[in-house]
């Protein structure tokens, strides 16, 4: 079986979903790191560190939302570009050969 063409929108959707999943994982990691930093800053000095703790908590929550969205958008665009380039290259070299049982 030879893959001669890839649907560009389909490849973009898959790329976006995969990248958004990675963005969510990274967002959770950043949330945990920012939470630890926020707790440490708050415990240092209540009159000076309270604002820093709230800022770090806000950045942590923002990272859980923003990272999957940003990664999803760029993954979608990356999937589109890769499928377009593959389709152009497949015209010249004949496509990708895949063996199945």
Protein backbone atom coordinates (compact mmCIF):
# COMPACT_ATOMS: atom_id res chain seq x y z
CA UNK A 1 0.00 0.00 0.00
CA UNK A 2 1.32 3.45 -0.89
CA UNK A 3 0.15 6.66 0.79
CA UNK A 4 0.02 9.14 -2.07
CA UNK A 5 -1.83 11.99 -0.37
CA UNK A 6 -2.69 13.12 3.16
CA UNK A 7 -5.78 15.21 3.86
CA UNK A 8 -4.36 18.51 5.08
CA UNK A 9 -7.18 19.42 7.49
CA UNK A 10 -7.20 15.93 8.98
CA UNK A 11 -3.45 16.09 9.59
CA UNK A 12 -3.89 19.52 11.17
CA UNK A 13 -6.59 18.24 13.54
CA UNK A 14 -4.47 15.29 14.63
CA UNK A 15 -1.39 17.49 15.09
CA UNK A 16 -3.41 19.98 17.10
CA UNK A 17 -4.89 17.34 19.39
CA UNK A 18 -1.53 15.69 20.06
CA UNK A 19 0.18 19.03 20.71
CA UNK A 20 -2.68 20.18 22.99
CA UNK A 21 -2.21 16.99 25.04
CA UNK A 22 1.47 17.78 25.45
CA UNK A 23 0.54 21.36 26.34
CA UNK A 24 -1.81 20.11 29.06
CA UNK A 25 0.92 17.92 30.55
CA UNK A 26 3.36 20.84 30.47
CA UNK A 27 0.70 23.17 31.93
CA UNK A 28 0.15 20.83 34.88
CA UNK A 29 3.90 20.65 35.49
CA UNK A 30 4.17 24.46 35.42
CA UNK A 31 1.14 24.70 37.73
CA UNK A 32 2.83 22.44 40.28
CA UNK A 33 6.13 24.33 40.07
CA UNK A 34 4.43 27.74 40.38
CA UNK A 35 2.37 26.46 43.31
CA UNK A 36 5.48 25.35 45.19
CA UNK A 37 7.18 28.68 44.49
CA UNK A 38 4.05 30.56 45.58
CA UNK A 39 3.80 28.66 48.86
CA UNK A 40 7.51 29.22 49.52
CA UNK A 41 7.20 32.95 48.76
CA UNK A 42 4.13 33.29 50.98
CA UNK A 43 5.78 31.53 53.90
CA UNK A 44 8.91 33.73 53.80
CA UNK A 45 7.23 36.93 54.86
CA UNK A 46 3.49 37.39 55.12
CA UNK A 47 3.62 41.12 54.53
CA UNK A 48 5.95 40.92 51.50
CA UNK A 49 5.43 37.43 50.08
CA UNK A 50 1.62 37.36 49.95
CA UNK A 51 1.45 39.15 46.63
CA UNK A 52 4.10 36.90 45.15
CA UNK A 53 2.20 33.79 46.23
CA UNK A 54 -0.99 35.02 44.56
CA UNK A 55 0.94 35.90 41.41
CA UNK A 56 2.50 32.44 41.22
CA UNK A 57 -0.87 30.79 41.82
CA UNK A 58 -2.40 32.87 39.03
CA UNK A 59 0.43 31.98 36.65
CA UNK A 60 -0.04 28.30 37.49
CA UNK A 61 -3.75 28.37 36.68
CA UNK A 62 -3.08 30.41 33.53
CA UNK A 63 -0.53 27.84 32.35
CA UNK A 64 -3.08 25.01 32.59
CA UNK A 65 -5.40 26.96 30.28
CA UNK A 66 -2.97 28.78 27.99
CA UNK A 67 -0.46 26.02 27.23
CA UNK A 68 -2.94 23.53 25.69
CA UNK A 69 -4.53 26.30 23.63
CA UNK A 70 -1.21 27.66 22.34
CA UNK A 71 0.24 24.20 21.70
CA UNK A 72 -3.01 23.13 20.00
CA UNK A 73 -2.97 26.10 17.62
CA UNK A 74 0.68 25.67 16.72
CA UNK A 75 0.27 21.89 16.42
CA UNK A 76 -2.65 22.39 14.04
CA UNK A 77 -0.61 24.78 11.89
CA UNK A 78 2.38 22.42 12.01
CA UNK A 79 0.21 19.50 10.90
CA UNK A 80 -1.16 21.56 8.00
CA UNK A 81 2.31 22.55 6.85
CA UNK A 82 3.71 19.02 7.16
CA UNK A 83 0.80 17.54 5.18
CA UNK A 84 1.20 20.16 2.45
CA UNK A 85 4.92 19.46 2.17
CA UNK A 86 4.30 15.69 2.17
CA UNK A 87 1.72 16.02 -0.61
CA UNK A 88 4.16 18.04 -2.71
CA UNK A 89 7.00 15.59 -2.12
CA UNK A 90 4.77 12.56 -2.81
CA UNK A 91 4.08 13.89 -6.31
CA UNK A 92 7.77 13.63 -7.12
CA UNK A 93 8.83 10.44 -5.31
CA UNK A 94 5.59 8.46 -5.40
CA UNK A 95 4.54 8.46 -1.75
CA UNK A 96 5.26 6.46 1.37
CA UNK A 97 5.21 2.68 1.08
CA UNK A 98 3.52 0.89 4.00
CA UNK A 99 3.29 -2.88 4.52
CA UNK A 100 0.28 -4.34 6.32
CA UNK A 101 -0.87 -7.84 7.07
